[in-house]
Amino acid sequence: MLTEPRRLAVDLGKTSCRIRLFDAGGIIAEESGPGAPGLADFDGAAKSAHAIRTVLNRFSPENRADIEGVGIGAAGVEAARAAAEDLAARVRAFTGAPVALINDALAAHAGAFDGGAGVILIIGTGAIAYAVAEDGKTRQIDGWGPWLGDEGSGRWIGQEGLLAALRHFDGRGAPTALTLRAADLAGDLAAMPAWVGAESNPARRLGRFAPDVLDAAADGDPVARDIVSRACTALAATARAAGSPELAVWGGVAGHPYFSAELTATFAAAGITIIPSRGDALDGAALIITRTDLGYEERIIRG
């Protein structure tokens, strides 16, 4: 009995890895699990491949068999091309299928604009804007990683929240509800440095505190509200640098009601309109499996 060709779309971020199995009729199954630090990280290809394989193994053996193509959006593709090519080879080895691999932000862009032109701002553990012109020319704004950029990201918000908690704890800063929230997270504020350092992906661990900061801001905590305000200002600067009066916004942080309202207001004051996305990063990862006519084809690694 003949069946429709089945393919895998993978959205591999620093916090989570999502995989979708689909055919021409639609989605067959989806699974998710922990992400990977990024391809530019030490041993990034092996860690990324492990994250993908771990989630893939949650599918039934029948669903893992006879895959005809894999599309992946992964963090760090362009910062570490050799590692990206290594990842493509590793995934092809354990799936037996051709692989198309692209930067996770461009995968989100492809999904948001169905492969067309536009600007997307992604606010997850990291923060990056991608502008794609009608001729396919691309431009990246921020997305320089947790130590050099990603201003306004989940990692940035979480880190600023923990800094504020520690300042209050040792007498350098204003009282804030974040202090108790941080203590609950790590068990003991004095142990916070060890708690952050114990994670192989520190950016992901710092980002875990972002929801607490956003919730505290929604509850009226002035220190948390200041952090959110500064995050939105930084993201507005990123959006302005993209050069378009309208853009799509995607990412887990942007889904928080308080943050979303503040970001929308900040953008409106800057003359920037947030427009709806047509799809997400998994849709973009699915798109690059068979589409070779996208303006940024040269940025897709195929193996």
C-alpha atoms as a PDB file:
ATOM      1  CA  MET A   1       0.000   0.000   0.000  1.00  0.00           C
ATOM      2  CA  LEU A   2       1.434   3.356  -1.061  1.00  0.00           C
ATOM      3  CA  THR A   3       1.540   6.157   1.505  1.00  0.00           C
ATOM      4  CA  GLU A   4       2.226   9.862   1.242  1.00  0.00           C
ATOM      5  CA  PRO A   5       5.902  10.834   1.719  1.00  0.00           C
ATOM      6  CA  ARG A   6       6.470  11.600   5.386  1.00  0.00           C
ATOM      7  CA  ARG A   7       8.859  14.307   6.526  1.00  0.00           C
ATOM      8  CA  LEU A   8      10.176  15.787   9.751  1.00  0.00           C
ATOM      9  CA  ALA A   9      10.328  19.460  10.686  1.00  0.00           C
ATOM     10  CA  VAL A  10      12.601  20.377  13.606  1.00  0.00           C
ATOM     11  CA  ASP A  11      12.715  23.607  15.609  1.00  0.00           C
ATOM     12  CA  LEU A  12      15.851  23.370  17.748  1.00  0.00           C
ATOM     13  CA  GLY A  13      16.375  26.251  20.157  1.00  0.00           C
ATOM     14  CA  LYS A  14      18.447  26.758  23.266  1.00  0.00           C
ATOM     15  CA  THR A  15      15.506  26.007  25.532  1.00  0.00           C
ATOM     16  CA  SER A  16      13.453  23.449  23.645  1.00  0.00           C
ATOM     17  CA  CYS A  17      13.431  21.101  20.671  1.00  0.00           C
ATOM     18  CA  ARG A  18      10.157  20.521  18.817  1.00  0.00           C
ATOM     19  CA  ILE A  19       9.672  17.955  16.077  1.00  0.00           C
ATOM     20  CA  ARG A  20       6.695  17.565  13.752  1.00  0.00           C
ATOM     21  CA  LEU A  21       6.011  14.524  11.561  1.00  0.00           C
ATOM     22  CA  PHE A  22       3.823  15.374   8.599  1.00  0.00           C
ATOM     23  CA  ASP A  23       2.771  14.387   5.107  1.00  0.00           C
ATOM     24  CA  ALA A  24       0.769  16.065   2.359  1.00  0.00           C
ATOM     25  CA  GLY A  25      -2.385  15.467   4.380  1.00  0.00           C
ATOM     26  CA  GLY A  26      -1.138  17.392   7.408  1.00  0.00           C
ATOM     27  CA  ILE A  27       0.413  16.770  10.810  1.00  0.00           C
ATOM     28  CA  ILE A  28       0.760  13.149  11.917  1.00  0.00           C
ATOM     29  CA  ALA A  29       2.455  13.665  15.286  1.00  0.00           C
ATOM     30  CA  GLU A  30       4.443  16.191  17.319  1.00  0.00           C
ATOM     31  CA  GLU A  31       6.868  15.825  20.218  1.00  0.00           C
ATOM     32  CA  SER A  32       9.089  18.181  22.222  1.00  0.00           C
ATOM     33  CA  GLY A  33      11.936  18.092  24.717  1.00  0.00           C
ATOM     34  CA  PRO A  34      14.969  20.064  25.950  1.00  0.00           C
ATOM     35  CA  GLY A  35      16.990  22.103  23.460  1.00  0.00           C
ATOM     36  CA  ALA A  36      20.754  22.506  23.004  1.00  0.00           C
ATOM     37  CA  PRO A  37      23.172  25.372  23.767  1.00  0.00           C
ATOM     38  CA  GLY A  38      23.735  26.094  20.070  1.00  0.00           C
ATOM     39  CA  LEU A  39      26.031  24.939  17.296  1.00  0.00           C
ATOM     40  CA  ALA A  40      28.641  27.552  18.193  1.00  0.00           C
ATOM     41  CA  ASP A  41      28.913  26.078  21.687  1.00  0.00           C
ATOM     42  CA  PHE A  42      31.618  23.518  22.541  1.00  0.00           C
ATOM     43  CA  ASP A  43      30.672  20.192  20.933  1.00  0.00           C
ATOM     44  CA  GLY A  44      27.599  21.941  19.526  1.00  0.00           C
ATOM     45  CA  ALA A  45      26.921  19.457  16.712  1.00  0.00           C
ATOM     46  CA  ALA A  46      26.922  16.459  19.037  1.00  0.00           C
ATOM     47  CA  LYS A  47      24.742  18.204  21.646  1.00  0.00           C
ATOM     48  CA  SER A  48      22.300  19.376  18.978  1.00  0.00           C
ATOM     49  CA  ALA A  49      22.099  15.939  17.379  1.00  0.00           C
ATOM     50  CA  HIS A  50      21.510  14.390  20.803  1.00  0.00           C
ATOM     51  CA  ALA A  51      18.640  16.812  21.494  1.00  0.00           C
ATOM     52  CA  ILE A  52      16.994  15.997  18.157  1.00  0.00           C
ATOM     53  CA  ARG A  53      17.467  12.246  18.492  1.00  0.00           C
ATOM     54  CA  THR A  54      16.115  12.268  22.057  1.00  0.00           C
ATOM     55  CA  VAL A  55      12.854  13.868  20.925  1.00  0.00           C
ATOM     56  CA  LEU A  56      12.679  11.786  17.757  1.00  0.00           C
ATOM     57  CA  ASN A  57      12.857   8.618  19.848  1.00  0.00           C
ATOM     58  CA  ARG A  58       9.590   9.622  21.499  1.00  0.00           C
ATOM     59  CA  PHE A  59       7.823   8.822  18.238  1.00  0.00           C
ATOM     60  CA  SER A  60       6.732   5.253  17.677  1.00  0.00           C
ATOM     61  CA  PRO A  61       9.129   3.031  15.671  1.00  0.00           C
ATOM     62  CA  GLU A  62       6.622   3.064  12.809  1.00  0.00           C
ATOM     63  CA  ASN A  63       6.638   6.859  12.690  1.00  0.00           C
ATOM     64  CA  ARG A  64      10.434   6.991  12.797  1.00  0.00           C
ATOM     65  CA  ALA A  65      10.746   4.703   9.774  1.00  0.00           C
ATOM     66  CA  ASP A  66      10.911   5.648   6.092  1.00  0.00           C
ATOM     67  CA  ILE A  67      11.310   9.406   6.524  1.00  0.00           C
ATOM     68  CA  GLU A  68      11.919  11.109   3.165  1.00  0.00           C
ATOM     69  CA  GLY A  69      13.239  14.477   4.314  1.00  0.00           C
ATOM     70  CA  VAL A  70      14.194  16.469   7.399  1.00  0.00           C
ATOM     71  CA  GLY A  71      14.071  20.264   7.717  1.00  0.00           C
ATOM     72  CA  ILE A  72      15.821  21.827  10.707  1.00  0.00           C
ATOM     73  CA  GLY A  73      15.961  25.331  12.110  1.00  0.00           C
ATOM     74  CA  ALA A  74      18.803  25.440  14.644  1.00  0.00           C
ATOM     75  CA  ALA A  75      20.596  28.081  16.673  1.00  0.00           C
ATOM     76  CA  GLY A  76      24.145  28.938  15.565  1.00  0.00           C
ATOM     77  CA  VAL A  77      24.067  27.627  11.982  1.00  0.00           C
ATOM     78  CA  GLU A  78      25.823  30.648  10.520  1.00  0.00           C
ATOM     79  CA  ALA A  79      28.171  31.241  13.441  1.00  0.00           C
ATOM     80  CA  ALA A  80      29.554  27.696  13.169  1.00  0.00           C
ATOM     81  CA  ARG A  81      29.173  26.406   9.619  1.00  0.00           C
ATOM     82  CA  ALA A  82      31.442  23.391  10.087  1.00  0.00           C
ATOM     83  CA  ALA A  83      29.425  22.299  13.130  1.00  0.00           C
ATOM     84  CA  ALA A  84      26.208  22.849  11.155  1.00  0.00           C
ATOM     85  CA  GLU A  85      27.450  20.595   8.359  1.00  0.00           C
ATOM     86  CA  ASP A  86      28.428  18.028  11.002  1.00  0.00           C
ATOM     87  CA  LEU A  87      24.911  18.204  12.481  1.00  0.00           C
ATOM     88  CA  ALA A  88      23.312  17.688   9.067  1.00  0.00           C
ATOM     89  CA  ALA A  89      25.486  14.610   8.535  1.00  0.00           C
ATOM     90  CA  ARG A  90      24.664  13.215  11.988  1.00  0.00           C
ATOM     91  CA  VAL A  91      20.915  13.659  11.501  1.00  0.00           C
ATOM     92  CA  ARG A  92      21.048  12.092   8.058  1.00  0.00           C
ATOM     93  CA  ALA A  93      22.916   9.143   9.564  1.00  0.00           C
ATOM     94  CA  PHE A  94      20.229   8.332  12.150  1.00  0.00           C
ATOM     95  CA  THR A  95      17.190   9.206  10.040  1.00  0.00           C
ATOM     96  CA  GLY A  96      18.399   7.933   6.666  1.00  0.00           C
ATOM     97  CA  ALA A  97      16.857  11.007   5.033  1.00  0.00           C
ATOM     98  CA  PRO A  98      18.205  14.095   3.240  1.00  0.00           C
ATOM     99  CA  VAL A  99      18.542  17.077   5.573  1.00  0.00           C
ATOM    100  CA  ALA A 100      17.996  20.803   5.003  1.00  0.00           C
ATOM    101  CA  LEU A 101      19.380  22.980   7.811  1.00  0.00           C
ATOM    102  CA  ILE A 102      18.925  26.705   8.383  1.00  0.00           C
ATOM    103  CA  ASN A 103      19.394  29.244  11.143  1.00  0.00           C
ATOM    104  CA  ASP A 104      16.481  28.982  13.590  1.00  0.00           C
ATOM    105  CA  ALA A 105      15.617  32.651  13.131  1.00  0.00           C
ATOM    106  CA  LEU A 106      15.397  32.259   9.357  1.00  0.00           C
ATOM    107  CA  ALA A 107      13.246  29.165   9.844  1.00  0.00           C
ATOM    108  CA  ALA A 108      10.880  31.270  11.936  1.00  0.00           C
ATOM    109  CA  HIS A 109      10.979  33.966   9.246  1.00  0.00           C
ATOM    110  CA  ALA A 110      10.166  31.438   6.519  1.00  0.00           C
ATOM    111  CA  GLY A 111       7.203  30.239   8.547  1.00  0.00           C
ATOM    112  CA  ALA A 112       5.980  33.732   9.377  1.00  0.00           C
ATOM    113  CA  PHE A 113       6.094  34.967   5.775  1.00  0.00           C
ATOM    114  CA  ASP A 114       5.694  31.676   3.883  1.00  0.00           C
ATOM    115  CA  GLY A 115       9.162  32.144   2.410  1.00  0.00           C
ATOM    116  CA  GLY A 116       8.545  35.749   1.366  1.00  0.00           C
ATOM    117  CA  ALA A 117       9.935  39.151   2.332  1.00  0.00           C
ATOM    118  CA  GLY A 118       9.425  40.856   5.678  1.00  0.00           C
ATOM    119  CA  VAL A 119      10.920  41.410   9.123  1.00  0.00           C
ATOM    120  CA  ILE A 120      10.593  39.115  12.113  1.00  0.00           C
ATOM    121  CA  LEU A 121      11.658  39.748  15.687  1.00  0.00           C
ATOM    122  CA  ILE A 122      12.159  36.600  17.730  1.00  0.00           C
ATOM    123  CA  ILE A 123      12.130  36.871  21.524  1.00  0.00           C
ATOM    124  CA  GLY A 124      12.952  33.580  23.170  1.00  0.00           C
ATOM    125  CA  THR A 125      15.957  32.630  25.247  1.00  0.00           C
ATOM    126  CA  GLY A 126      17.818  34.860  22.789  1.00  0.00           C
ATOM    127  CA  ALA A 127      16.629  37.854  20.774  1.00  0.00           C
ATOM    128  CA  ILE A 128      17.183  38.464  17.069  1.00  0.00           C
ATOM    129  CA  ALA A 129      15.570  40.286  14.169  1.00  0.00           C
ATOM    130  CA  TYR A 130      15.819  39.106  10.570  1.00  0.00           C
ATOM    131  CA  ALA A 131      14.946  41.315   7.632  1.00  0.00           C
ATOM    132  CA  VAL A 132      14.479  39.655   4.242  1.00  0.00           C
ATOM    133  CA  ALA A 133      14.094  41.905   1.200  1.00  0.00           C
ATOM    134  CA  GLU A 134      12.111  41.130  -1.966  1.00  0.00           C
ATOM    135  CA  ASP A 135      15.337  40.066  -3.700  1.00  0.00           C
ATOM    136  CA  GLY A 136      16.081  37.607  -0.884  1.00  0.00           C
ATOM    137  CA  LYS A 137      18.874  39.637   0.669  1.00  0.00           C
ATOM    138  CA  THR A 138      18.932  39.085   4.417  1.00  0.00           C
ATOM    139  CA  ARG A 139      20.104  41.186   7.317  1.00  0.00           C
ATOM    140  CA  GLN A 140      20.516  40.195  10.964  1.00  0.00           C
ATOM    141  CA  ILE A 141      20.069  42.581  13.881  1.00  0.00           C
ATOM    142  CA  ASP A 142      21.327  41.405  17.297  1.00  0.00           C
ATOM    143  CA  GLY A 143      21.218  37.675  17.974  1.00  0.00           C
ATOM    144  CA  TRP A 144      24.845  37.866  19.056  1.00  0.00           C
ATOM    145  CA  GLY A 145      24.426  35.365  21.869  1.00  0.00           C
ATOM    146  CA  PRO A 146      24.080  35.615  25.646  1.00  0.00           C
ATOM    147  CA  TRP A 147      27.479  37.188  26.291  1.00  0.00           C
ATOM    148  CA  LEU A 148      27.518  39.775  23.489  1.00  0.00           C
ATOM    149  CA  GLY A 149      23.894  40.606  22.747  1.00  0.00           C
ATOM    150  CA  ASP A 150      20.345  39.196  22.799  1.00  0.00           C
ATOM    151  CA  GLU A 151      19.148  42.379  24.496  1.00  0.00           C
ATOM    152  CA  GLY A 152      15.600  42.146  25.798  1.00  0.00           C
ATOM    153  CA  SER A 153      15.543  38.347  25.483  1.00  0.00           C
ATOM    154  CA  GLY A 154      14.309  35.802  28.004  1.00  0.00           C
ATOM    155  CA  ARG A 155      17.889  35.245  29.125  1.00  0.00           C
ATOM    156  CA  TRP A 156      18.420  39.014  29.475  1.00  0.00           C
ATOM    157  CA  ILE A 157      15.179  39.487  31.439  1.00  0.00           C
ATOM    158  CA  GLY A 158      15.927  36.519  33.705  1.00  0.00           C
ATOM    159  CA  GLN A 159      19.483  37.652  34.326  1.00  0.00           C
ATOM    160  CA  GLU A 160      18.415  41.223  35.109  1.00  0.00           C
ATOM    161  CA  GLY A 161      15.818  39.820  37.506  1.00  0.00           C
ATOM    162  CA  LEU A 162      18.373  37.704  39.346  1.00  0.00           C
ATOM    163  CA  LEU A 163      20.787  40.637  39.525  1.00  0.00           C
ATOM    164  CA  ALA A 164      18.029  42.760  41.057  1.00  0.00           C
ATOM    165  CA  ALA A 165      17.258  40.026  43.596  1.00  0.00           C
ATOM    166  CA  LEU A 166      20.901  39.733  44.604  1.00  0.00           C
ATOM    167  CA  ARG A 167      21.235  43.518  44.900  1.00  0.00           C
ATOM    168  CA  HIS A 168      18.288  43.557  47.269  1.00  0.00           C
ATOM    169  CA  PHE A 169      19.667  40.542  49.151  1.00  0.00           C
ATOM    170  CA  ASP A 170      23.052  42.140  49.906  1.00  0.00           C
ATOM    171  CA  GLY A 171      21.821  45.706  50.414  1.00  0.00           C
ATOM    172  CA  ARG A 172      22.809  47.335  47.122  1.00  0.00           C
ATOM    173  CA  GLY A 173      19.351  47.572  45.600  1.00  0.00           C
ATOM    174  CA  ALA A 174      15.699  48.359  46.110  1.00  0.00           C
ATOM    175  CA  PRO A 175      13.316  45.878  47.724  1.00  0.00           C
ATOM    176  CA  THR A 176      11.604  43.650  45.190  1.00  0.00           C
ATOM    177  CA  ALA A 177       9.342  40.631  45.080  1.00  0.00           C
ATOM    178  CA  LEU A 178      11.959  39.059  42.827  1.00  0.00           C
ATOM    179  CA  THR A 179      14.105  38.260  45.875  1.00  0.00           C
ATOM    180  CA  LEU A 180      11.718  35.645  47.250  1.00  0.00           C
ATOM    181  CA  ARG A 181      11.007  34.314  43.769  1.00  0.00           C
ATOM    182  CA  ALA A 182      14.736  33.873  43.129  1.00  0.00           C
ATOM    183  CA  ALA A 183      15.210  32.139  46.468  1.00  0.00           C
ATOM    184  CA  ASP A 184      12.436  29.701  45.580  1.00  0.00           C
ATOM    185  CA  LEU A 185      14.151  28.994  42.263  1.00  0.00           C
ATOM    186  CA  ALA A 186      17.600  28.215  43.657  1.00  0.00           C
ATOM    187  CA  GLY A 187      16.726  27.256  47.223  1.00  0.00           C
ATOM    188  CA  ASP A 188      19.178  29.808  48.650  1.00  0.00           C
ATOM    189  CA  LEU A 189      20.218  33.138  47.143  1.00  0.00           C
ATOM    190  CA  ALA A 190      23.780  32.663  48.329  1.00  0.00           C
ATOM    191  CA  ALA A 191      23.888  29.533  46.180  1.00  0.00           C
ATOM    192  CA  MET A 192      22.674  31.361  43.057  1.00  0.00           C
ATOM    193  CA  PRO A 193      26.090  31.465  41.294  1.00  0.00           C
ATOM    194  CA  ALA A 194      26.492  27.723  41.747  1.00  0.00           C
ATOM    195  CA  TRP A 195      22.904  27.137  40.561  1.00  0.00           C
ATOM    196  CA  VAL A 196      23.557  29.052  37.334  1.00  0.00           C
ATOM    197  CA  GLY A 197      26.963  27.459  36.775  1.00  0.00           C
ATOM    198  CA  ALA A 198      25.692  23.915  37.295  1.00  0.00           C
ATOM    199  CA  GLU A 199      23.743  24.066  34.023  1.00  0.00           C
ATOM    200  CA  SER A 200      25.590  23.128  30.817  1.00  0.00           C
ATOM    201  CA  ASN A 201      23.453  25.781  29.106  1.00  0.00           C
ATOM    202  CA  PRO A 202      23.636  28.833  31.455  1.00  0.00           C
ATOM    203  CA  ALA A 203      21.568  31.023  29.117  1.00  0.00           C
ATOM    204  CA  ARG A 204      18.679  28.575  29.359  1.00  0.00           C
ATOM    205  CA  ARG A 205      18.943  28.514  33.150  1.00  0.00           C
ATOM    206  CA  LEU A 206      18.983  32.315  33.390  1.00  0.00           C
ATOM    207  CA  GLY A 207      15.993  32.403  31.053  1.00  0.00           C
ATOM    208  CA  ARG A 208      14.047  30.198  33.456  1.00  0.00           C
ATOM    209  CA  PHE A 209      13.637  33.219  35.720  1.00  0.00           C
ATOM    210  CA  ALA A 210      12.084  35.377  32.987  1.00  0.00           C
ATOM    211  CA  PRO A 211       8.492  34.189  33.683  1.00  0.00           C
ATOM    212  CA  ASP A 212       8.928  35.170  37.345  1.00  0.00           C
ATOM    213  CA  VAL A 213      10.056  38.639  36.325  1.00  0.00           C
ATOM    214  CA  LEU A 214       7.126  39.036  33.935  1.00  0.00           C
ATOM    215  CA  ASP A 215       4.625  37.772  36.512  1.00  0.00           C
ATOM    216  CA  ALA A 216       6.064  40.089  39.175  1.00  0.00           C
ATOM    217  CA  ALA A 217       5.789  42.997  36.749  1.00  0.00           C
ATOM    218  CA  ALA A 218       2.169  42.103  36.042  1.00  0.00           C
ATOM    219  CA  ASP A 219       1.570  42.102  39.823  1.00  0.00           C
ATOM    220  CA  GLY A 220       2.941  45.658  40.034  1.00  0.00           C
ATOM    221  CA  ASP A 221       6.495  45.154  41.347  1.00  0.00           C
ATOM    222  CA  PRO A 222       8.346  48.360  40.333  1.00  0.00           C
ATOM    223  CA  VAL A 223      11.750  46.697  39.920  1.00  0.00           C
ATOM    224  CA  ALA A 224      10.316  44.004  37.647  1.00  0.00           C
ATOM    225  CA  ARG A 225       8.378  46.624  35.698  1.00  0.00           C
ATOM    226  CA  ASP A 226      11.562  48.600  35.132  1.00  0.00           C
ATOM    227  CA  ILE A 227      13.253  45.472  33.748  1.00  0.00           C
ATOM    228  CA  VAL A 228      10.363  44.875  31.348  1.00  0.00           C
ATOM    229  CA  SER A 229      10.414  48.531  30.283  1.00  0.00           C
ATOM    230  CA  ARG A 230      14.129  48.383  29.537  1.00  0.00           C
ATOM    231  CA  ALA A 231      13.703  45.102  27.659  1.00  0.00           C
ATOM    232  CA  CYS A 232      10.985  46.625  25.460  1.00  0.00           C
ATOM    233  CA  THR A 233      13.124  49.698  24.796  1.00  0.00           C
ATOM    234  CA  ALA A 234      16.038  47.489  23.720  1.00  0.00           C
ATOM    235  CA  LEU A 235      13.779  45.431  21.464  1.00  0.00           C
ATOM    236  CA  ALA A 236      12.331  48.594  19.918  1.00  0.00           C
ATOM    237  CA  ALA A 237      15.884  49.658  19.032  1.00  0.00           C
ATOM    238  CA  THR A 238      16.428  46.263  17.392  1.00  0.00           C
ATOM    239  CA  ALA A 239      13.152  46.627  15.488  1.00  0.00           C
ATOM    240  CA  ARG A 240      13.996  50.153  14.314  1.00  0.00           C
ATOM    241  CA  ALA A 241      17.362  48.967  13.034  1.00  0.00           C
ATOM    242  CA  ALA A 242      15.547  46.413  10.849  1.00  0.00           C
ATOM    243  CA  GLY A 243      14.216  49.357   8.854  1.00  0.00           C
ATOM    244  CA  SER A 244      10.555  48.419   8.482  1.00  0.00           C
ATOM    245  CA  PRO A 245       7.493  50.098  10.055  1.00  0.00           C
ATOM    246  CA  GLU A 246       5.877  46.687  10.533  1.00  0.00           C
ATOM    247  CA  LEU A 247       7.134  43.298  11.619  1.00  0.00           C
ATOM    248  CA  ALA A 248       6.066  39.932  12.952  1.00  0.00           C
ATOM    249  CA  VAL A 249       6.958  39.031  16.531  1.00  0.00           C
ATOM    250  CA  TRP A 250       7.504  35.449  17.593  1.00  0.00           C
ATOM    251  CA  GLY A 251       8.839  33.608  20.639  1.00  0.00           C
ATOM    252  CA  GLY A 252       7.775  32.419  24.059  1.00  0.00           C
ATOM    253  CA  VAL A 253       8.523  35.663  25.908  1.00  0.00           C
ATOM    254  CA  ALA A 254       6.276  37.636  23.560  1.00  0.00           C
ATOM    255  CA  GLY A 255       3.328  35.443  24.546  1.00  0.00           C
ATOM    256  CA  HIS A 256       3.178  36.725  28.132  1.00  0.00           C
ATOM    257  CA  PRO A 257       0.132  39.033  28.372  1.00  0.00           C
ATOM    258  CA  TYR A 258       1.822  41.809  30.377  1.00  0.00           C
ATOM    259  CA  PHE A 259       4.975  41.750  28.270  1.00  0.00           C
ATOM    260  CA  SER A 260       2.977  41.646  25.038  1.00  0.00           C
ATOM    261  CA  ALA A 261       0.974  44.716  26.039  1.00  0.00           C
ATOM    262  CA  GLU A 262       4.100  46.646  27.060  1.00  0.00           C
ATOM    263  CA  LEU A 263       5.947  45.675  23.890  1.00  0.00           C
ATOM    264  CA  THR A 264       3.013  46.660  21.684  1.00  0.00           C
ATOM    265  CA  ALA A 265       2.756  50.049  23.407  1.00  0.00           C
ATOM    266  CA  THR A 266       6.511  50.662  23.164  1.00  0.00           C
ATOM    267  CA  PHE A 267       6.517  49.745  19.490  1.00  0.00           C
ATOM    268  CA  ALA A 268       3.470  51.917  18.780  1.00  0.00           C
ATOM    269  CA  ALA A 269       5.248  54.887  20.371  1.00  0.00           C
ATOM    270  CA  ALA A 270       8.183  54.179  18.045  1.00  0.00           C
ATOM    271  CA  GLY A 271       5.903  54.007  14.999  1.00  0.00           C
ATOM    272  CA  ILE A 272       6.226  50.226  14.608  1.00  0.00           C
ATOM    273  CA  THR A 273       3.249  47.928  13.991  1.00  0.00           C
ATOM    274  CA  ILE A 274       3.198  44.243  14.945  1.00  0.00           C
ATOM    275  CA  ILE A 275       1.584  42.117  12.232  1.00  0.00           C
ATOM    276  CA  PRO A 276       0.344  38.506  12.453  1.00  0.00           C
ATOM    277  CA  SER A 277       2.536  35.592  11.375  1.00  0.00           C
ATOM    278  CA  ARG A 278       1.311  33.068   8.807  1.00  0.00           C
ATOM    279  CA  GLY A 279       3.093  30.226  10.570  1.00  0.00           C
ATOM    280  CA  ASP A 280       5.893  29.368  12.996  1.00  0.00           C
ATOM    281  CA  ALA A 281       9.422  27.967  12.918  1.00  0.00           C
ATOM    282  CA  LEU A 282       8.192  24.406  12.363  1.00  0.00           C
ATOM    283  CA  ASP A 283       6.307  25.596   9.287  1.00  0.00           C
ATOM    284  CA  GLY A 284       9.507  27.257   8.088  1.00  0.00           C
ATOM    285  CA  ALA A 285      11.569  24.118   8.724  1.00  0.00           C
ATOM    286  CA  ALA A 286       9.007  22.140   6.731  1.00  0.00           C
ATOM    287  CA  LEU A 287       9.166  24.676   3.901  1.00  0.00           C
ATOM    288  CA  ILE A 288      12.895  24.325   3.259  1.00  0.00           C
ATOM    289  CA  ILE A 289      12.704  20.566   2.748  1.00  0.00           C
ATOM    290  CA  THR A 290      11.284  20.895  -0.766  1.00  0.00           C
ATOM    291  CA  ARG A 291      11.589  24.608  -1.606  1.00  0.00           C
ATOM    292  CA  THR A 292      14.882  25.525  -3.295  1.00  0.00           C
ATOM    293  CA  ASP A 293      13.691  28.827  -4.744  1.00  0.00           C
ATOM    294  CA  LEU A 294      13.858  30.901  -1.561  1.00  0.00           C
ATOM    295  CA  GLY A 295      15.951  34.065  -1.792  1.00  0.00           C
ATOM    296  CA  TYR A 296      18.269  32.797   0.940  1.00  0.00           C
ATOM    297  CA  GLU A 297      18.844  29.321  -0.543  1.00  0.00           C
ATOM    298  CA  GLU A 298      22.599  29.826  -0.244  1.00  0.00           C
ATOM    299  CA  ARG A 299      22.175  29.985   3.534  1.00  0.00           C
ATOM    300  CA  ILE A 300      20.517  26.573   3.671  1.00  0.00           C
ATOM    301  CA  ILE A 301      22.853  23.648   4.326  1.00  0.00           C
ATOM    302  CA  ARG A 302      21.751  20.516   2.538  1.00  0.00           C
ATOM    303  CA  GLY A 303      23.196  17.110   3.215  1.00  0.00           C
END
